[in-house]
Amino acid sequence: MEMFLVYVIGIVSVLLVLYVYLTHNNDFFKRYPIPCLPVEPLFGSCRRLLLKRISFNEFVRANYEQFPNARMFGMFEMLTPMFVIRDPELVKQITVKDFDHFINHRPLIKADSSSSSSVMFTKVLFNLAGQRWRNVRTTLSPTFTGSKMRQMFTMIVECSENMVQALAHPNKMECEMKELFIRFTNDVIASCAFGVRVNSFRDKQNVFFRYGKDLSNFSRLRVLLKIMGYQLFPKLMARLQMDIFDRKHVQFFTEMFRQSVLEREQHGIVRPDLIHLLIQARKGQLRHQLQEPEEAEGFATAKASNEEQIIPPDMVKLSENEMIAQCLLFFLAGFDTVATAMSFLLYEVTLAPEIQQRLFDEILLVNESLDGRKLTYDALQGMRYLDMVVSETLRKWSPSPGTDRLCNQDYTIPGDPNIVIPKGATVFIPIVGLHYDPRFYPVPDRFDPERFNVQNRQNIPLGAYLPFGIGPRNCIASRFALMEVKAIVYHLLLNFEFKRSERTSIPVQLAKGFTPLKPENGIYLLLSPRTKN
């Protein structure tokens, strides 16, 4: 009986300690004059999301709409209190004007990012912090300028033509868009990043495609447990050197990188791809082209900042692991995210035949002007309506529902009273909420490319349109992503008309839980070959 009592007391004590640990910070926002979402032990404010009862995008939007008159509100991501910013001017102030107070993202992995660490995820650009982030960003930024995109463009056109050829069929056919496009993005990344020619429409289970699907699946239980582990027990996970990337993925891309570098150095091979540019960056041979024209760039392009001119590139040396980590990040972002954007764009123009027809008219006009030549980078950049359609797609179906910043010193927001965001606090920017705010986008659920015509887009506040983030920590590869999306849309609509099928979901249902934007049951459309005159 005494032993039983000891066990009971021990179990109760452990549960009590655990409860105190999980709830010790629940009163965090009571000291601030801002509203706060309800908080529960362990779940924080995210129970519906963590239990997969709502999609990530819908979760962010629903929370945003709860406090229509607030500039900011509080919420908890499990144990972490977060200041959620609803005001575009305040977003711009935090991410651009006062960037020195919010240099870093909240690291997904709080582990050693030095060259001796075996945790590859700590070395990706997104996860880097402070001066090391500045150095690596400055070194990499010339890799994604407009001039470098021109050099890669022929490879994207080649992949686009391969896809059209693979789909050539005299009759209508039904396709699931995401499955179709991840094959295209896989081929683009294999070619533009690693210099490897792959045709995933012929070789359907090539090693790049298999590893890409596996790598980009963040809903796998093993990956989710690792992410939760870093949220709840960051010091323990760091000490155990647990990586978000699976070892087999790291080994594959490491071997691929080393083999490619060795062949180039031995045989003097030069290809305008990411590995070549990374090798140039490591040798300090990349330079910013400050006078490079940008007048034809897409509206959604993330603009370069002065931060990228602070450190001369030849002062920054990237280790082999850092270079491989950026290749992994490039593959991860380009494989799934871009394919999703393409899927939703074709879905929207299929539901709006008048938009599809107007887009086809512009494509046909450009094709005729080329007089039988392949699509050029300049011709693509000059397509205004295509840019409007892409911009509206990225508003309605943002690649990321939100982004964050970590406050590195106390930051005062003037008001009555003033609000001080303390050092170490997390600021969350609800991109989806801002993109659906009727103050900036009337009837936000409607797909309307005219929001981004020359007149209307001037009325959109800088902090209210964030498909690739904002400020110095915006997406470094936005030009590449936009070029890729536009090129494949051009080639597909030139050759096919897209129509609804019996399996086309209207409206589309999003996958629930803490996962990237993804249609629950896929996006099925009919491809009808266009008759050639």
Protein backbone atom coordinates (compact mmCIF):
# COMPACT_ATOMS: atom_id res chain seq x y z
CA MET A 1 0.00 0.00 0.00
CA GLU A 2 2.83 2.39 0.88
CA MET A 3 4.61 1.64 -2.42
CA PHE A 4 1.38 2.26 -4.30
CA LEU A 5 1.03 5.60 -2.52
CA VAL A 6 4.62 6.51 -3.42
CA TYR A 7 3.93 5.72 -7.09
CA VAL A 8 0.76 7.82 -7.04
CA ILE A 9 2.56 10.76 -5.41
CA GLY A 10 5.39 10.41 -7.95
CA ILE A 11 3.03 10.37 -10.92
CA VAL A 12 1.00 13.31 -9.57
CA SER A 13 4.22 15.28 -8.96
CA VAL A 14 5.44 14.65 -12.51
CA LEU A 15 2.07 15.67 -13.94
CA LEU A 16 2.04 18.79 -11.79
CA VAL A 17 5.54 19.78 -12.88
CA LEU A 18 4.56 19.15 -16.52
CA TYR A 19 1.40 21.23 -16.11
CA VAL A 20 3.36 24.12 -14.59
CA TYR A 21 5.89 23.90 -17.45
CA LEU A 22 3.14 23.92 -20.07
CA THR A 23 1.16 26.81 -18.53
CA HIS A 24 3.79 28.99 -16.83
CA ASN A 25 3.62 31.63 -19.59
CA ASN A 26 -0.12 31.61 -20.30
CA ASP A 27 -0.63 35.03 -18.72
CA PHE A 28 1.95 36.65 -20.98
CA PHE A 29 -0.47 38.95 -22.84
CA LYS A 30 -2.44 40.09 -19.77
CA ARG A 31 0.15 42.83 -19.31
CA TYR A 32 -0.55 44.24 -22.80
CA PRO A 33 -3.53 46.37 -23.94
CA ILE A 34 -4.24 44.09 -26.90
CA PRO A 35 -6.74 41.25 -27.41
CA CYS A 36 -5.52 37.65 -27.25
CA LEU A 37 -6.81 34.33 -28.53
CA PRO A 38 -7.75 31.77 -25.86
CA VAL A 39 -4.85 29.59 -24.71
CA GLU A 40 -4.88 25.94 -23.61
CA PRO A 41 -2.11 23.81 -22.06
CA LEU A 42 0.25 22.34 -24.68
CA PHE A 43 -1.95 23.38 -27.62
CA GLY A 44 -1.66 27.11 -27.01
CA SER A 45 -4.12 28.76 -29.40
CA CYS A 46 -3.64 26.08 -32.07
CA ARG A 47 -5.70 23.08 -30.96
CA ARG A 48 -7.89 23.06 -34.10
CA LEU A 49 -4.80 23.25 -36.29
CA LEU A 50 -2.75 20.63 -34.45
CA LEU A 51 -5.71 18.21 -34.40
CA LYS A 52 -6.19 18.73 -38.16
CA ARG A 53 -9.65 20.24 -37.96
CA ILE A 54 -8.75 23.25 -40.13
CA SER A 55 -6.17 24.10 -42.80
CA PHE A 56 -3.22 26.33 -41.97
CA ASN A 57 -4.41 29.05 -44.38
CA GLU A 58 -7.96 29.02 -42.99
CA PHE A 59 -6.61 29.05 -39.43
CA VAL A 60 -4.52 32.18 -40.04
CA ARG A 61 -7.35 33.94 -41.84
CA ALA A 62 -9.96 33.08 -39.19
CA ASN A 63 -7.73 34.37 -36.38
CA TYR A 64 -7.01 37.57 -38.32
CA GLU A 65 -10.71 38.25 -38.82
CA GLN A 66 -11.56 37.87 -35.12
CA PHE A 67 -10.14 41.30 -34.27
CA PRO A 68 -11.05 43.63 -37.17
CA ASN A 69 -10.32 46.83 -35.22
CA ALA A 70 -6.97 45.81 -33.71
CA ARG A 71 -3.53 46.69 -35.08
CA MET A 72 -2.19 43.56 -33.40
CA PHE A 73 -3.31 40.73 -31.15
CA GLY A 74 -1.74 37.92 -29.15
CA MET A 75 -1.77 34.16 -29.63
CA PHE A 76 0.24 31.12 -28.58
CA GLU A 77 1.86 28.61 -30.90
CA MET A 78 1.97 25.77 -28.39
CA LEU A 79 4.20 27.33 -25.68
CA THR A 80 5.39 30.35 -27.68
CA PRO A 81 3.57 33.71 -27.30
CA MET A 82 3.35 35.61 -30.59
CA PHE A 83 2.45 39.21 -31.43
CA VAL A 84 0.28 39.00 -34.57
CA ILE A 85 0.47 42.16 -36.71
CA ARG A 86 -2.66 43.23 -38.64
CA ASP A 87 -1.62 46.72 -39.77
CA PRO A 88 0.28 46.97 -43.12
CA GLU A 89 2.08 50.13 -41.99
CA LEU A 90 3.27 48.38 -38.86
CA VAL A 91 4.32 45.36 -40.96
CA LYS A 92 6.40 47.67 -43.17
CA GLN A 93 7.87 49.44 -40.15
CA ILE A 94 8.95 46.19 -38.48
CA THR A 95 10.28 44.42 -41.56
CA VAL A 96 11.85 47.33 -43.45
CA LYS A 97 12.30 50.60 -41.57
CA ASP A 98 13.26 49.06 -38.20
CA PHE A 99 14.72 45.84 -39.59
CA ASP A 100 17.69 46.02 -37.21
CA HIS A 101 15.28 45.20 -34.37
CA PHE A 102 13.90 42.16 -36.24
CA ILE A 103 16.81 40.72 -38.24
CA ASN A 104 16.09 37.04 -37.69
CA HIS A 105 13.30 34.57 -38.22
CA ARG A 106 12.42 32.49 -35.22
CA PRO A 107 14.72 29.52 -35.91
CA LEU A 108 12.88 26.29 -36.61
CA ILE A 109 15.93 24.51 -35.25
CA LYS A 110 17.81 26.12 -32.36
CA ALA A 111 21.07 24.27 -32.87
CA ASP A 112 24.71 24.97 -33.67
CA SER A 113 25.02 26.21 -37.29
CA SER A 114 28.81 26.04 -37.42
CA SER A 115 30.63 24.00 -40.05
CA SER A 116 31.27 21.25 -37.47
CA SER A 117 27.56 20.63 -36.89
CA SER A 118 26.02 17.63 -38.64
CA VAL A 119 22.55 19.22 -38.63
CA MET A 120 22.18 20.33 -42.26
CA PHE A 121 18.91 22.23 -41.70
CA THR A 122 20.69 24.73 -39.46
CA LYS A 123 22.70 25.92 -42.47
CA VAL A 124 19.85 26.75 -44.85
CA LEU A 125 19.50 30.48 -45.46
CA PHE A 126 16.06 30.68 -43.84
CA ASN A 127 17.38 29.30 -40.54
CA LEU A 128 20.58 31.38 -40.34
CA ALA A 129 20.75 34.35 -37.98
CA GLY A 130 22.68 37.55 -37.40
CA GLN A 131 25.91 38.25 -39.19
CA ARG A 132 26.15 34.79 -40.71
CA TRP A 133 22.78 35.30 -42.38
CA ARG A 134 23.92 38.69 -43.72
CA ASN A 135 27.11 37.16 -45.09
CA VAL A 136 25.47 34.19 -46.79
CA ARG A 137 22.56 36.26 -48.14
CA THR A 138 24.98 38.81 -49.60
CA THR A 139 27.01 36.06 -51.19
CA LEU A 140 23.99 34.32 -52.70
CA SER A 141 21.93 37.33 -53.84
CA PRO A 142 23.79 37.83 -57.19
CA THR A 143 22.80 34.24 -58.02
CA PHE A 144 19.17 35.30 -58.49
CA THR A 145 19.46 38.58 -60.39
CA GLY A 146 17.64 39.15 -63.67
CA SER A 147 20.81 38.57 -65.70
CA LYS A 148 21.31 35.15 -64.08
CA MET A 149 17.67 34.29 -64.75
CA ARG A 150 18.23 34.98 -68.44
CA GLN A 151 21.05 32.44 -68.43
CA MET A 152 18.82 29.78 -66.86
CA PHE A 153 15.77 30.56 -68.98
CA THR A 154 16.62 28.28 -71.91
CA MET A 155 16.69 25.30 -69.53
CA ILE A 156 13.21 26.17 -68.24
CA VAL A 157 11.90 26.46 -71.81
CA GLU A 158 13.36 23.04 -72.58
CA CYS A 159 11.56 21.51 -69.57
CA SER A 160 8.32 23.26 -70.60
CA GLU A 161 8.54 21.86 -74.12
CA ASN A 162 9.21 18.37 -72.73
CA MET A 163 6.05 18.62 -70.67
CA VAL A 164 3.90 19.76 -73.61
CA GLN A 165 5.32 16.96 -75.74
CA ALA A 166 4.53 14.39 -73.05
CA LEU A 167 0.93 15.63 -72.87
CA ALA A 168 0.42 15.62 -76.65
CA HIS A 169 -2.76 13.65 -77.30
CA PRO A 170 -5.50 14.07 -79.90
CA ASN A 171 -8.32 13.85 -77.35
CA LYS A 172 -9.24 15.48 -74.05
CA MET A 173 -7.59 14.01 -71.00
CA GLU A 174 -8.09 14.48 -67.29
CA CYS A 175 -5.01 15.28 -65.18
CA GLU A 176 -4.37 15.99 -61.51
CA MET A 177 -2.54 19.31 -61.63
CA LYS A 178 -0.24 18.95 -58.63
CA GLU A 179 1.03 15.55 -59.76
CA LEU A 180 1.60 16.98 -63.21
CA PHE A 181 3.45 20.07 -62.06
CA ILE A 182 5.76 18.46 -59.51
CA ARG A 183 7.18 16.46 -62.40
CA PHE A 184 7.85 19.70 -64.25
CA THR A 185 9.37 21.48 -61.22
CA ASN A 186 11.48 18.41 -60.49
CA ASP A 187 12.98 18.56 -63.99
CA VAL A 188 13.56 22.31 -63.73
CA ILE A 189 15.40 22.05 -60.42
CA ALA A 190 17.46 19.04 -61.51
CA SER A 191 18.56 21.05 -64.54
CA CYS A 192 18.87 24.57 -63.08
CA ALA A 193 20.36 23.56 -59.74
CA PHE A 194 22.37 20.41 -60.35
CA GLY A 195 23.01 20.44 -64.09
CA VAL A 196 21.29 17.08 -64.52
CA ARG A 197 18.87 16.54 -67.42
CA VAL A 198 15.83 14.59 -66.22
CA ASN A 199 12.49 13.97 -67.94
CA SER A 200 10.01 12.93 -65.25
CA PHE A 201 7.26 12.44 -67.82
CA ARG A 202 9.20 9.61 -69.48
CA ASP A 203 11.12 8.30 -66.46
CA LYS A 204 8.28 8.56 -63.96
CA GLN A 205 10.19 7.19 -60.95
CA ASN A 206 13.60 8.78 -61.44
CA VAL A 207 15.66 9.22 -58.30
CA PHE A 208 15.27 13.03 -58.22
CA PHE A 209 11.50 12.74 -58.33
CA ARG A 210 11.31 10.05 -55.65
CA TYR A 211 13.57 11.96 -53.28
CA GLY A 212 11.78 15.24 -54.02
CA LYS A 213 8.36 13.86 -53.07
CA ASP A 214 9.79 12.39 -49.89
CA LEU A 215 11.80 15.48 -48.95
CA SER A 216 8.88 17.88 -49.43
CA ASN A 217 6.42 15.80 -47.39
CA PHE A 218 6.46 17.67 -44.08
CA SER A 219 3.31 15.89 -42.96
CA ARG A 220 5.24 12.67 -42.35
CA LEU A 221 4.97 11.67 -38.68
CA ARG A 222 8.74 11.51 -38.24
CA VAL A 223 9.18 15.10 -39.49
CA LEU A 224 6.27 16.41 -37.41
CA LEU A 225 7.68 14.82 -34.27
CA LYS A 226 11.08 16.41 -34.91
CA ILE A 227 9.52 19.85 -35.40
CA MET A 228 7.43 19.49 -32.25
CA GLY A 229 10.51 18.30 -30.40
CA TYR A 230 12.38 21.48 -31.33
CA GLN A 231 9.37 23.56 -30.24
CA LEU A 232 9.04 21.87 -26.84
CA PHE A 233 12.58 20.74 -26.00
CA PRO A 234 14.99 22.76 -28.19
CA LYS A 235 18.11 22.23 -26.05
CA LEU A 236 17.65 18.47 -25.87
CA MET A 237 17.02 18.18 -29.63
CA ALA A 238 20.05 20.34 -30.39
CA ARG A 239 22.23 18.21 -28.12
CA LEU A 240 20.99 15.08 -29.90
CA GLN A 241 21.88 16.69 -33.28
CA MET A 242 18.45 15.84 -34.70
CA ASP A 243 18.03 17.06 -38.28
CA ILE A 244 14.73 17.86 -40.02
CA PHE A 245 16.22 16.41 -43.21
CA ASP A 246 16.48 12.61 -43.30
CA ARG A 247 20.02 11.26 -43.49
CA LYS A 248 19.38 9.49 -46.80
CA HIS A 249 18.32 12.78 -48.41
CA VAL A 250 21.40 14.60 -47.16
CA GLN A 251 23.68 11.80 -48.35
CA PHE A 252 22.07 11.73 -51.81
CA PHE A 253 22.35 15.47 -52.42
CA THR A 254 25.83 15.64 -50.92
CA GLU A 255 27.06 12.95 -53.32
CA MET A 256 25.27 14.61 -56.23
CA PHE A 257 26.86 17.97 -55.39
CA ARG A 258 30.37 16.58 -54.98
CA GLN A 259 30.17 14.57 -58.18
CA SER A 260 28.96 17.59 -60.16
CA VAL A 261 31.69 19.88 -58.77
CA LEU A 262 34.39 17.28 -59.47
CA GLU A 263 33.30 16.78 -63.08
CA ARG A 264 33.23 20.53 -63.72
CA GLU A 265 36.65 21.12 -62.24
CA GLN A 266 38.22 18.17 -64.07
CA HIS A 267 36.70 18.90 -67.48
CA GLY A 268 36.24 22.68 -67.36
CA ILE A 269 32.45 22.35 -67.70
CA VAL A 270 30.45 25.55 -67.29
CA ARG A 271 26.66 25.51 -66.97
CA PRO A 272 24.50 28.49 -65.94
CA ASP A 273 23.01 26.62 -62.98
CA LEU A 274 22.94 26.99 -59.22
CA ILE A 275 26.01 24.84 -58.55
CA HIS A 276 28.13 26.91 -60.94
CA LEU A 277 26.92 30.12 -59.30
CA LEU A 278 27.61 28.73 -55.82
CA ILE A 279 31.14 27.79 -56.90
CA GLN A 280 31.61 31.34 -58.20
CA ALA A 281 30.22 32.72 -54.94
CA ARG A 282 32.62 30.58 -52.90
CA LYS A 283 35.52 31.96 -54.95
CA GLY A 284 34.24 35.53 -54.61
CA GLN A 285 33.65 35.84 -58.37
CA LEU A 286 30.00 36.92 -58.23
CA ARG A 287 29.26 40.64 -58.16
CA HIS A 288 26.07 42.67 -57.87
CA GLN A 289 25.00 44.50 -61.00
CA LEU A 290 23.58 47.63 -59.45
CA GLN A 291 22.52 49.17 -62.75
CA GLU A 292 20.62 46.10 -63.94
CA PRO A 293 17.27 47.19 -65.42
CA GLU A 294 14.20 46.10 -63.49
CA GLU A 295 11.41 47.93 -65.34
CA ALA A 296 9.93 44.72 -66.78
CA GLU A 297 9.87 42.70 -63.57
CA GLY A 298 6.67 41.17 -62.27
CA PHE A 299 4.67 42.96 -59.59
CA ALA A 300 5.13 40.11 -57.10
CA THR A 301 8.94 40.10 -57.40
CA ALA A 302 10.61 40.54 -54.00
CA LYS A 303 12.78 43.63 -54.31
CA ALA A 304 16.47 43.58 -53.38
CA SER A 305 17.49 45.63 -50.36
CA ASN A 306 20.49 47.63 -49.27
CA GLU A 307 21.28 44.82 -46.83
CA GLU A 308 22.57 42.80 -49.77
CA GLN A 309 25.20 45.40 -50.56
CA ILE A 310 26.78 45.61 -47.09
CA ILE A 311 29.30 42.77 -47.29
CA PRO A 312 31.58 42.48 -50.36
CA PRO A 313 31.00 38.93 -51.67
CA ASP A 314 34.72 38.12 -51.85
CA MET A 315 34.91 38.46 -48.05
CA VAL A 316 32.42 35.63 -47.53
CA LYS A 317 33.37 31.98 -47.83
CA LEU A 318 30.78 29.24 -47.95
CA SER A 319 31.65 25.79 -46.63
CA GLU A 320 30.70 22.73 -48.64
CA ASN A 321 27.90 21.93 -46.18
CA GLU A 322 26.51 25.46 -46.50
CA MET A 323 26.49 25.15 -50.28
CA ILE A 324 24.77 21.76 -50.13
CA ALA A 325 22.24 23.14 -47.63
CA GLN A 326 21.25 25.92 -50.06
CA CYS A 327 20.80 23.33 -52.84
CA LEU A 328 18.54 21.35 -50.52
CA LEU A 329 16.54 24.46 -49.68
CA PHE A 330 16.27 25.43 -53.34
CA PHE A 331 15.04 21.93 -54.20
CA LEU A 332 12.58 21.86 -51.30
CA ALA A 333 11.08 25.28 -52.06
CA GLY A 334 10.99 24.84 -55.82
CA PHE A 335 9.68 21.30 -55.94
CA ASP A 336 6.41 21.61 -54.04
CA THR A 337 5.64 25.31 -53.52
CA VAL A 338 5.94 26.38 -57.14
CA ALA A 339 3.97 23.34 -58.33
CA THR A 340 1.16 24.30 -55.95
CA ALA A 341 1.05 27.87 -57.30
CA MET A 342 0.83 26.54 -60.86
CA SER A 343 -2.00 24.19 -59.88
CA PHE A 344 -4.12 26.93 -58.34
CA LEU A 345 -3.49 29.31 -61.25
CA LEU A 346 -4.81 26.79 -63.80
CA TYR A 347 -7.71 25.99 -61.45
CA GLU A 348 -8.75 29.63 -61.25
CA VAL A 349 -8.54 30.35 -64.99
CA THR A 350 -10.49 27.14 -65.65
CA LEU A 351 -13.34 28.40 -63.44
CA ALA A 352 -13.23 31.76 -65.24
CA PRO A 353 -13.20 31.02 -69.03
CA GLU A 354 -13.19 34.74 -69.88
CA ILE A 355 -9.92 35.19 -67.95
CA GLN A 356 -8.45 32.11 -69.63
CA GLN A 357 -9.45 33.45 -73.06
CA ARG A 358 -7.92 36.86 -72.43
CA LEU A 359 -4.73 35.22 -71.20
CA PHE A 360 -4.63 32.95 -74.26
CA ASP A 361 -5.09 35.99 -76.54
CA GLU A 362 -2.01 37.62 -75.00
CA ILE A 363 -0.01 34.39 -75.26
CA LEU A 364 -1.03 33.93 -78.89
CA LEU A 365 -0.02 37.51 -79.70
CA VAL A 366 3.42 37.00 -78.17
CA ASN A 367 3.84 33.66 -79.92
CA GLU A 368 3.05 35.24 -83.30
CA SER A 369 5.54 38.04 -82.63
CA LEU A 370 8.27 35.45 -82.06
CA ASP A 371 7.72 34.20 -85.63
CA GLY A 372 8.53 30.56 -84.93
CA ARG A 373 11.33 31.24 -82.45
CA LYS A 374 11.35 29.85 -78.92
CA LEU A 375 9.97 31.94 -76.07
CA THR A 376 12.48 34.52 -74.84
CA TYR A 377 12.96 35.94 -71.36
CA ASP A 378 12.17 39.49 -72.53
CA ALA A 379 8.99 38.40 -74.29
CA LEU A 380 7.81 36.62 -71.14
CA GLN A 381 8.57 39.60 -68.90
CA GLY A 382 6.59 41.88 -71.20
CA MET A 383 3.33 39.95 -70.77
CA ARG A 384 1.28 42.29 -68.57
CA TYR A 385 -1.92 40.28 -68.24
CA LEU A 386 -0.04 37.08 -67.42
CA ASP A 387 1.69 39.01 -64.64
CA MET A 388 -1.69 40.20 -63.34
CA VAL A 389 -3.03 36.62 -63.28
CA VAL A 390 0.06 35.32 -61.48
CA SER A 391 -0.07 38.19 -58.96
CA GLU A 392 -3.73 37.50 -58.17
CA THR A 393 -3.04 33.77 -57.82
CA LEU A 394 -0.32 34.51 -55.27
CA ARG A 395 -2.69 36.81 -53.38
CA LYS A 396 -5.53 34.32 -53.15
CA TRP A 397 -3.31 31.25 -52.77
CA SER A 398 -0.27 32.54 -50.95
CA PRO A 399 2.66 30.06 -50.91
CA SER A 400 3.05 30.68 -47.18
CA PRO A 401 0.16 31.59 -44.83
CA GLY A 402 2.45 33.72 -42.68
CA THR A 403 5.97 34.65 -41.73
CA ASP A 404 7.69 35.64 -38.50
CA ARG A 405 10.43 37.77 -37.02
CA LEU A 406 12.31 37.51 -33.73
CA CYS A 407 12.69 40.72 -31.74
CA ASN A 408 16.37 41.15 -30.80
CA GLN A 409 15.96 44.26 -28.62
CA ASP A 410 13.02 45.89 -26.87
CA TYR A 411 10.86 47.63 -29.45
CA THR A 412 8.33 50.37 -28.67
CA ILE A 413 5.19 50.82 -30.76
CA PRO A 414 3.81 54.32 -30.09
CA GLY A 415 0.20 54.49 -28.99
CA ASP A 416 -2.08 55.21 -26.10
CA PRO A 417 -0.54 53.52 -24.25
CA ASN A 418 2.77 52.53 -25.87
CA ILE A 419 3.34 48.82 -26.42
CA VAL A 420 6.80 47.40 -25.85
CA ILE A 421 7.59 44.14 -27.65
CA PRO A 422 10.29 42.60 -25.42
CA LYS A 423 13.59 41.22 -26.59
CA GLY A 424 13.23 37.56 -27.53
CA ALA A 425 9.51 37.81 -28.42
CA THR A 426 8.14 36.48 -31.71
CA VAL A 427 6.23 38.65 -34.16
CA PHE A 428 3.94 36.86 -36.63
CA ILE A 429 2.80 38.43 -39.92
CA PRO A 430 -0.47 36.80 -41.11
CA ILE A 431 0.03 36.96 -44.88
CA VAL A 432 -3.24 35.15 -45.68
CA GLY A 433 -5.20 37.46 -43.39
CA LEU A 434 -3.79 40.56 -45.08
CA HIS A 435 -4.38 39.07 -48.54
CA TYR A 436 -8.07 38.54 -47.76
CA ASP A 437 -8.69 41.83 -45.97
CA PRO A 438 -11.57 43.60 -47.78
CA ARG A 439 -10.03 46.98 -46.90
CA PHE A 440 -7.33 46.27 -49.47
CA TYR A 441 -9.03 43.67 -51.70
CA PRO A 442 -12.80 44.16 -52.11
CA VAL A 443 -14.71 40.85 -52.34
CA PRO A 444 -11.47 39.01 -51.47
CA ASP A 445 -12.77 35.50 -52.30
CA ARG A 446 -13.26 36.50 -55.94
CA PHE A 447 -10.40 35.81 -58.36
CA ASP A 448 -9.86 39.17 -60.08
CA PRO A 449 -6.57 39.89 -61.92
CA GLU A 450 -7.71 43.49 -62.44
CA ARG A 451 -6.65 44.20 -58.85
CA PHE A 452 -3.13 44.26 -60.27
CA ASN A 453 -3.57 46.41 -63.35
CA VAL A 454 -1.34 49.49 -63.57
CA GLN A 455 -3.91 51.76 -61.90
CA ASN A 456 -5.21 49.52 -59.11
CA ARG A 457 -1.94 48.04 -57.88
CA GLN A 458 -0.74 51.51 -56.91
CA ASN A 459 -3.43 51.52 -54.21
CA ILE A 460 -2.20 48.33 -52.52
CA PRO A 461 -0.16 49.14 -49.38
CA LEU A 462 3.36 47.68 -49.36
CA GLY A 463 2.67 45.69 -46.21
CA ALA A 464 -0.58 44.18 -47.53
CA TYR A 465 0.85 42.09 -50.41
CA LEU A 466 3.50 39.63 -49.28
CA PRO A 467 3.61 36.46 -51.45
CA PHE A 468 7.41 36.34 -51.13
CA GLY A 469 7.77 38.12 -47.80
CA ILE A 470 9.00 41.67 -47.32
CA GLY A 471 12.18 43.52 -46.46
CA PRO A 472 15.74 42.16 -46.40
CA ARG A 473 14.52 38.68 -45.39
CA ASN A 474 12.21 38.27 -48.37
CA CYS A 475 12.43 35.24 -50.68
CA ILE A 476 15.75 35.38 -52.49
CA ALA A 477 14.49 33.28 -55.44
CA SER A 478 11.23 35.10 -56.27
CA ARG A 479 12.44 35.98 -59.79
CA PHE A 480 13.19 32.34 -60.50
CA ALA A 481 9.83 31.14 -59.17
CA LEU A 482 7.88 33.71 -61.19
CA MET A 483 9.84 32.96 -64.34
CA GLU A 484 9.16 29.25 -63.91
CA VAL A 485 5.40 29.71 -63.33
CA LYS A 486 4.96 32.07 -66.25
CA ALA A 487 6.98 29.93 -68.68
CA ILE A 488 4.95 26.77 -68.12
CA VAL A 489 1.61 28.65 -68.17
CA TYR A 490 2.62 30.18 -71.51
CA HIS A 491 3.46 26.81 -73.07
CA LEU A 492 0.42 24.99 -71.65
CA LEU A 493 -2.22 27.56 -72.61
CA LEU A 494 -0.66 27.93 -76.05
CA ASN A 495 -1.32 24.22 -76.63
CA PHE A 496 -4.31 23.35 -74.42
CA GLU A 497 -7.61 24.73 -73.25
CA PHE A 498 -8.37 23.86 -69.63
CA LYS A 499 -11.90 22.77 -68.68
CA ARG A 500 -13.70 21.38 -65.65
CA SER A 501 -14.02 17.65 -65.21
CA GLU A 502 -16.44 15.65 -63.08
CA ARG A 503 -13.77 15.51 -60.36
CA THR A 504 -13.09 19.25 -60.27
CA SER A 505 -13.82 20.35 -56.69
CA ILE A 506 -15.74 23.64 -56.42
CA PRO A 507 -14.78 25.17 -54.11
CA VAL A 508 -11.45 23.47 -53.58
CA GLN A 509 -10.93 21.99 -50.10
CA LEU A 510 -7.55 22.52 -48.45
CA ALA A 511 -5.66 19.84 -46.55
CA LYS A 512 -6.08 20.28 -42.80
CA GLY A 513 -3.36 20.59 -40.22
CA PHE A 514 0.03 22.25 -39.93
CA THR A 515 0.99 21.60 -43.56
CA PRO A 516 1.81 23.85 -46.53
CA LEU A 517 -0.95 24.95 -48.90
CA LYS A 518 -2.32 21.80 -50.50
CA PRO A 519 -5.68 20.76 -52.04
CA GLU A 520 -7.25 17.99 -49.97
CA ASN A 521 -8.43 15.89 -52.89
CA GLY A 522 -6.22 17.23 -55.65
CA ILE A 523 -7.11 19.55 -58.53
CA TYR A 524 -8.49 17.60 -61.50
CA LEU A 525 -8.92 19.40 -64.82
CA LEU A 526 -9.51 18.44 -68.45
CA LEU A 527 -6.84 19.35 -70.98
CA SER A 528 -8.31 19.88 -74.45
CA PRO A 529 -5.72 20.21 -77.28
CA ARG A 530 -6.04 23.43 -79.26
CA THR A 531 -6.41 23.15 -83.01
CA LYS A 532 -3.44 24.53 -84.93
CA ASN A 533 -4.22 26.96 -87.73
